[in-house]
Protein backbone atom coordinates (compact mmCIF):
# COMPACT_ATOMS: atom_id res chain seq x y z
CA MET A 1 -36.70 47.34 61.74
CA SER A 2 -40.43 46.97 62.04
CA SER A 3 -41.00 47.02 58.28
CA PRO A 4 -43.33 44.25 57.08
CA GLN A 5 -40.93 43.62 54.16
CA ILE A 6 -37.96 43.12 56.47
CA LYS A 7 -39.97 40.72 58.62
CA ALA A 8 -41.34 38.82 55.61
CA ARG A 9 -37.83 38.34 54.19
CA GLY A 10 -36.46 37.19 57.55
CA PHE A 11 -33.76 39.83 57.24
CA LEU A 12 -33.08 40.17 60.98
CA THR A 13 -31.45 37.43 63.02
CA GLU A 14 -31.34 37.45 66.80
CA ILE A 15 -27.96 36.56 68.31
CA ASP A 16 -26.80 36.56 71.93
CA HIS A 17 -24.01 39.05 72.61
CA PRO A 18 -21.88 38.44 75.73
CA VAL A 19 -22.23 42.04 76.95
CA ALA A 20 -25.22 43.61 75.22
CA GLY A 21 -27.57 40.62 75.46
CA ARG A 22 -29.83 39.35 72.71
CA LEU A 23 -29.77 41.69 69.69
CA ALA A 24 -31.24 41.73 66.21
CA TYR A 25 -28.53 41.72 63.56
CA PRO A 26 -29.07 42.21 59.83
CA SER A 27 -28.61 38.87 58.14
CA LEU A 28 -27.90 38.08 54.53
CA PRO A 29 -29.90 40.13 52.04
CA TYR A 30 -30.41 37.06 49.82
CA HIS A 31 -31.62 33.50 50.31
CA PHE A 32 -30.48 30.54 48.21
CA SER A 33 -32.27 27.23 48.62
CA LYS A 34 -29.23 25.02 47.97
CA THR A 35 -26.57 27.15 49.67
CA PRO A 36 -28.20 28.79 52.67
CA GLY A 37 -26.17 31.24 54.71
CA ARG A 38 -26.62 32.37 58.29
CA LEU A 39 -25.05 34.50 60.97
CA GLU A 40 -23.65 32.54 63.88
CA ARG A 41 -21.63 34.98 65.99
CA PRO A 42 -22.21 38.41 67.48
CA ALA A 43 -20.02 41.45 66.86
CA PRO A 44 -16.64 40.98 68.55
CA LEU A 45 -15.69 42.73 71.77
CA VAL A 46 -12.96 45.37 71.64
CA GLY A 47 -9.62 43.56 71.58
CA GLN A 48 -11.22 40.11 71.38
CA HIS A 49 -9.04 39.03 68.47
CA ASN A 50 -5.82 40.85 69.37
CA GLU A 51 -3.82 37.68 70.02
CA GLU A 52 -4.99 36.05 66.80
CA ILE A 53 -4.11 39.10 64.71
CA PHE A 54 -0.89 40.30 66.37
CA HIS A 55 0.61 36.93 67.28
CA HIS A 56 -0.69 34.41 64.76
CA ARG A 57 -1.08 36.59 61.68
CA LEU A 58 1.46 39.41 62.13
CA GLY A 59 4.13 37.36 63.89
CA TYR A 60 4.53 39.40 67.09
CA THR A 61 5.44 37.40 70.19
CA LYS A 62 3.10 37.07 73.15
CA GLU A 63 5.61 39.18 75.09
CA ASP A 64 5.22 41.91 72.44
CA LEU A 65 1.48 41.81 72.96
CA VAL A 66 1.95 42.24 76.73
CA LYS A 67 4.21 45.25 76.07
CA PHE A 68 1.61 46.71 73.69
CA LYS A 69 -1.05 46.36 76.39
CA GLU A 70 1.17 47.95 79.04
CA ALA A 71 1.96 50.87 76.70
CA GLY A 72 -1.74 51.38 75.95
CA VAL A 73 -1.27 50.58 72.27
CA VAL A 74 -3.95 47.91 72.36
């Protein structure tokens, strides 16, 4: 992470994580002048997207999700 090449290429991007604080994340390994990319969000917390996945994408009800939590499934 302290490599001069990594620093020169701007490979690491600092992002604030809600639990771990400010961390350096690997960014995109390429740079295009007309279509730049960037990282905008930190790694998700455990279970952060459960409702989106189980309810919105897989069709389980919110009551199902509560039951899953109570049973220790998620």
